[in-house]
Amino acid sequence: MQQQKQNEITFKIINKHPVHKQQEGNRKKEAVRADLYHIYKKYM
């Protein structure tokens, strides 16, 4: 239980951090771009 609470606190701190948010957004964009690229390659 104590471990879970610690994780939740850490998670909140990480989520508040704008740099982390920015990186998370970039990772999602890259993932989407990679997916689109694979689809594009497959059908071209």
PDB file of N, CA and C in Angstrom:
ATOM      1  N   MET A   1       0.853  -1.207   0.000  1.00  0.00           N
ATOM      2  CA  MET A   1       0.000   0.000   0.000  1.00  0.00           C
ATOM      3  C   MET A   1       0.883   1.250   0.000  1.00  0.00           C
ATOM      4  N   GLN A   2       1.902   1.242   0.861  1.00  0.00           N
ATOM      5  CA  GLN A   2       2.819   2.389   0.939  1.00  0.00           C
ATOM      6  C   GLN A   2       3.490   2.617  -0.412  1.00  0.00           C
ATOM      7  N   GLN A   3       3.889   1.526  -1.061  1.00  0.00           N
ATOM      8  CA  GLN A   3       4.567   1.607  -2.360  1.00  0.00           C
ATOM      9  C   GLN A   3       3.647   2.257  -3.390  1.00  0.00           C
ATOM     10  N   GLN A   4       2.380   1.849  -3.383  1.00  0.00           N
ATOM     11  CA  GLN A   4       1.422   2.404  -4.344  1.00  0.00           C
ATOM     12  C   GLN A   4       1.256   3.906  -4.141  1.00  0.00           C
ATOM     13  N   LYS A   5       1.142   4.327  -2.888  1.00  0.00           N
ATOM     14  CA  LYS A   5       0.992   5.752  -2.594  1.00  0.00           C
ATOM     15  C   LYS A   5       2.200   6.524  -3.109  1.00  0.00           C
ATOM     16  N   GLN A   6       3.388   5.977  -2.883  1.00  0.00           N
ATOM     17  CA  GLN A   6       4.629   6.602  -3.355  1.00  0.00           C
ATOM     18  C   GLN A   6       4.599   6.736  -4.882  1.00  0.00           C
ATOM     19  N   ASN A   7       4.156   5.698  -5.552  1.00  0.00           N
ATOM     20  CA  ASN A   7       4.073   5.722  -7.012  1.00  0.00           C
ATOM     21  C   ASN A   7       3.109   6.791  -7.489  1.00  0.00           C
ATOM     22  N   GLU A   8       1.973   6.908  -6.814  1.00  0.00           N
ATOM     23  CA  GLU A   8       0.982   7.903  -7.202  1.00  0.00           C
ATOM     24  C   GLU A   8       1.546   9.308  -7.050  1.00  0.00           C
ATOM     25  N   ILE A   9       2.260   9.549  -5.967  1.00  0.00           N
ATOM     26  CA  ILE A   9       2.857  10.868  -5.741  1.00  0.00           C
ATOM     27  C   ILE A   9       3.880  11.165  -6.832  1.00  0.00           C
ATOM     28  N   THR A  10       4.732  10.184  -7.115  1.00  0.00           N
ATOM     29  CA  THR A  10       5.746  10.356  -8.158  1.00  0.00           C
ATOM     30  C   THR A  10       5.076  10.645  -9.485  1.00  0.00           C
ATOM     31  N   PHE A  11       4.009   9.896  -9.768  1.00  0.00           N
ATOM     32  CA  PHE A  11       3.269  10.047 -11.018  1.00  0.00           C
ATOM     33  C   PHE A  11       2.708  11.463 -11.144  1.00  0.00           C
ATOM     34  N   LYS A  12       2.146  11.988 -10.056  1.00  0.00           N
ATOM     35  CA  LYS A  12       1.595  13.346 -10.069  1.00  0.00           C
ATOM     36  C   LYS A  12       2.685  14.365 -10.352  1.00  0.00           C
ATOM     37  N   ILE A  13       3.825  14.184  -9.711  1.00  0.00           N
ATOM     38  CA  ILE A  13       4.937  15.124  -9.915  1.00  0.00           C
ATOM     39  C   ILE A  13       5.386  15.087 -11.369  1.00  0.00           C
ATOM     40  N   ILE A  14       5.534  13.886 -11.901  1.00  0.00           N
ATOM     41  CA  ILE A  14       5.975  13.741 -13.298  1.00  0.00           C
ATOM     42  C   ILE A  14       4.954  14.394 -14.228  1.00  0.00           C
ATOM     43  N   ASN A  15       3.670  14.170 -13.968  1.00  0.00           N
ATOM     44  CA  ASN A  15       2.629  14.720 -14.832  1.00  0.00           C
ATOM     45  C   ASN A  15       2.611  16.239 -14.822  1.00  0.00           C
ATOM     46  N   LYS A  16       2.979  16.830 -13.694  1.00  0.00           N
ATOM     47  CA  LYS A  16       2.967  18.287 -13.599  1.00  0.00           C
ATOM     48  C   LYS A  16       4.129  18.897 -14.367  1.00  0.00           C
ATOM     49  N   HIS A  17       5.162  18.102 -14.580  1.00  0.00           N
ATOM     50  CA  HIS A  17       6.377  18.614 -15.201  1.00  0.00           C
ATOM     51  C   HIS A  17       6.148  18.862 -16.700  1.00  0.00           C
ATOM     52  N   PRO A  18       6.215  20.131 -17.141  1.00  0.00           N
ATOM     53  CA  PRO A  18       5.906  20.465 -18.532  1.00  0.00           C
ATOM     54  C   PRO A  18       6.851  19.832 -19.547  1.00  0.00           C
ATOM     55  N   VAL A  19       8.110  19.685 -19.163  1.00  0.00           N
ATOM     56  CA  VAL A  19       9.082  19.077 -20.083  1.00  0.00           C
ATOM     57  C   VAL A  19       8.682  17.638 -20.378  1.00  0.00           C
ATOM     58  N   HIS A  20       8.275  16.941 -19.329  1.00  0.00           N
ATOM     59  CA  HIS A  20       7.850  15.554 -19.507  1.00  0.00           C
ATOM     60  C   HIS A  20       6.640  15.500 -20.437  1.00  0.00           C
ATOM     61  N   LYS A  21       5.701  16.420 -20.226  1.00  0.00           N
ATOM     62  CA  LYS A  21       4.505  16.470 -21.077  1.00  0.00           C
ATOM     63  C   LYS A  21       4.914  16.672 -22.529  1.00  0.00           C
ATOM     64  N   GLN A  22       5.840  17.580 -22.746  1.00  0.00           N
ATOM     65  CA  GLN A  22       6.319  17.878 -24.101  1.00  0.00           C
ATOM     66  C   GLN A  22       6.913  16.624 -24.738  1.00  0.00           C
ATOM     67  N   GLN A  23       7.755  15.934 -23.981  1.00  0.00           N
ATOM     68  CA  GLN A  23       8.381  14.713 -24.506  1.00  0.00           C
ATOM     69  C   GLN A  23       7.329  13.652 -24.812  1.00  0.00           C
ATOM     70  N   GLU A  24       6.350  13.545 -23.929  1.00  0.00           N
ATOM     71  CA  GLU A  24       5.282  12.564 -24.113  1.00  0.00           C
ATOM     72  C   GLU A  24       4.547  12.868 -25.413  1.00  0.00           C
ATOM     73  N   GLY A  25       4.232  14.140 -25.633  1.00  0.00           N
ATOM     74  CA  GLY A  25       3.555  14.557 -26.864  1.00  0.00           C
ATOM     75  C   GLY A  25       4.383  14.234 -28.087  1.00  0.00           C
ATOM     76  N   ASN A  26       5.674  14.511 -28.022  1.00  0.00           N
ATOM     77  CA  ASN A  26       6.559  14.225 -29.143  1.00  0.00           C
ATOM     78  C   ASN A  26       6.611  12.733 -29.449  1.00  0.00           C
ATOM     79  N   ARG A  27       6.656  11.923 -28.377  1.00  0.00           N
ATOM     80  CA  ARG A  27       6.699  10.473 -28.566  1.00  0.00           C
ATOM     81  C   ARG A  27       5.437   9.993 -29.277  1.00  0.00           C
ATOM     82  N   LYS A  28       4.294  10.536 -28.866  1.00  0.00           N
ATOM     83  CA  LYS A  28       3.029  10.132 -29.497  1.00  0.00           C
ATOM     84  C   LYS A  28       3.024  10.527 -30.960  1.00  0.00           C
ATOM     85  N   LYS A  29       3.480  11.749 -31.242  1.00  0.00           N
ATOM     86  CA  LYS A  29       3.537  12.218 -32.630  1.00  0.00           C
ATOM     87  C   LYS A  29       4.437  11.325 -33.469  1.00  0.00           C
ATOM     88  N   GLU A  30       5.587  10.969 -32.906  1.00  0.00           N
ATOM     89  CA  GLU A  30       6.523  10.109 -33.630  1.00  0.00           C
ATOM     90  C   GLU A  30       5.906   8.748 -33.907  1.00  0.00           C
ATOM     91  N   ALA A  31       5.200   8.218 -32.919  1.00  0.00           N
ATOM     92  CA  ALA A  31       4.555   6.913 -33.076  1.00  0.00           C
ATOM     93  C   ALA A  31       3.514   6.969 -34.190  1.00  0.00           C
ATOM     94  N   VAL A  32       2.718   8.020 -34.180  1.00  0.00           N
ATOM     95  CA  VAL A  32       1.689   8.179 -35.211  1.00  0.00           C
ATOM     96  C   VAL A  32       2.343   8.319 -36.580  1.00  0.00           C
ATOM     97  N   ARG A  33       3.395   9.113 -36.647  1.00  0.00           N
ATOM     98  CA  ARG A  33       4.091   9.340 -37.911  1.00  0.00           C
ATOM     99  C   ARG A  33       4.654   8.029 -38.449  1.00  0.00           C
ATOM    100  N   ALA A  34       5.233   7.235 -37.549  1.00  0.00           N
ATOM    101  CA  ALA A  34       5.794   5.941 -37.954  1.00  0.00           C
ATOM    102  C   ALA A  34       4.699   5.022 -38.480  1.00  0.00           C
ATOM    103  N   ASP A  35       3.560   5.010 -37.780  1.00  0.00           N
ATOM    104  CA  ASP A  35       2.428   4.178 -38.217  1.00  0.00           C
ATOM    105  C   ASP A  35       1.959   4.602 -39.599  1.00  0.00           C
ATOM    106  N   LEU A  36       1.804   5.902 -39.787  1.00  0.00           N
ATOM    107  CA  LEU A  36       1.333   6.405 -41.078  1.00  0.00           C
ATOM    108  C   LEU A  36       2.322   6.050 -42.181  1.00  0.00           C
ATOM    109  N   TYR A  37       3.594   6.144 -41.856  1.00  0.00           N
ATOM    110  CA  TYR A  37       4.637   5.837 -42.827  1.00  0.00           C
ATOM    111  C   TYR A  37       4.557   4.369 -43.245  1.00  0.00           C
ATOM    112  N   HIS A  38       4.348   3.478 -42.254  1.00  0.00           N
ATOM    113  CA  HIS A  38       4.247   2.053 -42.578  1.00  0.00           C
ATOM    114  C   HIS A  38       3.027   1.784 -43.445  1.00  0.00           C
ATOM    115  N   ILE A  39       1.911   2.422 -43.118  1.00  0.00           N
ATOM    116  CA  ILE A  39       0.692   2.240 -43.905  1.00  0.00           C
ATOM    117  C   ILE A  39       0.926   2.741 -45.331  1.00  0.00           C
ATOM    118  N   TYR A  40       1.550   3.894 -45.426  1.00  0.00           N
ATOM    119  CA  TYR A  40       1.855   4.495 -46.718  1.00  0.00           C
ATOM    120  C   TYR A  40       2.725   3.551 -47.550  1.00  0.00           C
ATOM    121  N   LYS A  41       3.783   3.023 -46.957  1.00  0.00           N
ATOM    122  CA  LYS A  41       4.696   2.114 -47.653  1.00  0.00           C
ATOM    123  C   LYS A  41       3.956   0.861 -48.119  1.00  0.00           C
ATOM    124  N   LYS A  42       3.070   0.381 -47.265  1.00  0.00           N
ATOM    125  CA  LYS A  42       2.368  -0.869 -47.538  1.00  0.00           C
ATOM    126  C   LYS A  42       1.482  -0.730 -48.776  1.00  0.00           C
ATOM    127  N   TYR A  43       0.835   0.427 -48.919  1.00  0.00           N
ATOM    128  CA  TYR A  43      -0.143   0.578 -49.991  1.00  0.00           C
ATOM    129  C   TYR A  43       0.400   1.275 -51.227  1.00  0.00           C
ATOM    130  N   MET A  44       1.666   1.712 -51.180  1.00  0.00           N
ATOM    131  CA  MET A  44       2.216   2.398 -52.355  1.00  0.00           C
ATOM    132  C   MET A  44       3.036   1.427 -53.193  1.00  0.00           C
TER     133      MET A  44
END
